Amino acid sequence: MHDPKAIETLRRHVIPVDLESAAPRLLEAIDPDVSLVLIGEATHGTLEFYRIRADLTRALIRQRGFNVVAVEADRPDAYRANQWVR
């Protein structure tokens, strides 16, 4: 059974994006005064989601001045990324 209130809430808040416009549109939707952005579990699974997540993270760093990225990752992958950053 469909919940009409849930569907209406989704219609008001979902941001449809394609791969090329995802990061700019998502960045635009994030309040410029926030100091914390959580990119959730739903971004796991496909190359497209990984690319969008990477693009958004890059934009948050370059355009919004974020300077910390905390990730959930396998240790070997996280170690390599940490070595590259340092």
Protein backbone atom coordinates (compact mmCIF):
# COMPACT_ATOMS: atom_id res chain seq x y z
CA MET A 1 0.00 0.00 0.00
CA HIS A 2 1.30 3.48 -0.90
CA ASP A 3 1.46 6.18 1.74
CA PRO A 4 0.21 9.41 0.11
CA LYS A 5 2.00 11.59 2.69
CA ALA A 6 5.32 9.83 2.06
CA ILE A 7 4.90 10.16 -1.69
CA GLU A 8 4.12 13.87 -1.37
CA THR A 9 7.15 14.39 0.88
CA LEU A 10 9.36 12.66 -1.68
CA ARG A 11 7.94 14.77 -4.50
CA ARG A 12 8.82 17.94 -2.59
CA HIS A 13 12.35 16.94 -1.61
CA VAL A 14 13.78 14.54 -4.18
CA ILE A 15 16.23 16.13 -6.60
CA PRO A 16 16.23 14.30 -9.92
CA VAL A 17 19.72 14.26 -11.38
CA ASP A 18 21.62 12.71 -14.20
CA LEU A 19 25.26 11.76 -14.01
CA GLU A 20 26.55 14.98 -15.59
CA SER A 21 24.49 17.38 -13.47
CA ALA A 22 24.37 15.51 -10.17
CA ALA A 23 27.13 17.22 -8.18
CA PRO A 24 26.27 20.81 -9.17
CA ARG A 25 22.55 20.28 -8.48
CA LEU A 26 23.20 18.58 -5.15
CA LEU A 27 25.71 21.26 -4.13
CA GLU A 28 23.14 23.90 -5.01
CA ALA A 29 20.61 22.19 -2.72
CA ILE A 30 22.97 22.20 0.28
CA ASP A 31 22.59 25.26 2.50
CA PRO A 32 25.81 27.31 2.20
CA ASP A 33 25.96 27.76 5.99
CA VAL A 34 26.13 24.07 6.90
CA SER A 35 29.35 22.71 8.35
CA LEU A 36 28.55 19.02 8.00
CA VAL A 37 27.27 17.09 5.00
CA LEU A 38 26.46 13.39 5.26
CA ILE A 39 26.49 11.39 2.05
CA GLY A 40 24.65 8.24 3.02
CA GLU A 41 24.48 4.54 2.54
CA ALA A 42 22.34 4.91 -0.57
CA THR A 43 25.44 6.04 -2.47
CA HIS A 44 26.97 2.55 -2.27
CA GLY A 45 26.76 0.06 -5.06
CA THR A 46 27.23 1.36 -8.56
CA LEU A 47 29.91 3.17 -10.50
CA GLU A 48 27.44 6.01 -11.13
CA PHE A 49 26.81 6.54 -7.42
CA TYR A 50 30.53 6.40 -6.66
CA ARG A 51 31.22 8.99 -9.36
CA ILE A 52 28.46 11.31 -8.11
CA ARG A 53 29.72 10.94 -4.54
CA ALA A 54 33.31 11.70 -5.60
CA ASP A 55 32.20 14.72 -7.64
CA LEU A 56 30.10 16.07 -4.77
CA THR A 57 32.92 15.54 -2.26
CA ARG A 58 35.36 17.33 -4.58
CA ALA A 59 32.92 20.24 -4.99
CA LEU A 60 32.39 20.50 -1.22
CA ILE A 61 36.15 20.76 -0.75
CA ARG A 62 36.95 23.09 -3.64
CA GLN A 63 33.88 25.31 -3.67
CA ARG A 64 32.69 25.27 -0.07
CA GLY A 65 36.00 24.97 1.78
CA PHE A 66 35.36 21.69 3.57
CA ASN A 67 38.63 20.27 4.87
CA VAL A 68 37.67 16.95 6.48
CA VAL A 69 36.28 13.85 4.82
CA ALA A 70 35.33 10.88 6.96
CA VAL A 71 34.56 7.69 5.09
CA GLU A 72 33.35 4.21 5.73
CA ALA A 73 35.73 2.03 3.76
CA ASP A 74 37.68 -1.18 3.77
CA ARG A 75 40.99 -0.72 5.53
CA PRO A 76 43.26 -1.32 2.50
CA ASP A 77 41.32 1.19 0.39
CA ALA A 78 41.19 3.74 3.19
CA TYR A 79 44.92 3.31 3.87
CA ARG A 80 45.81 3.95 0.20
CA ALA A 81 43.58 7.04 0.11
CA ASN A 82 45.12 8.32 3.35
CA GLN A 83 48.64 7.79 1.98
CA TRP A 84 47.74 9.69 -1.18
CA VAL A 85 46.24 12.62 0.79
CA ARG A 86 49.24 12.87 3.09
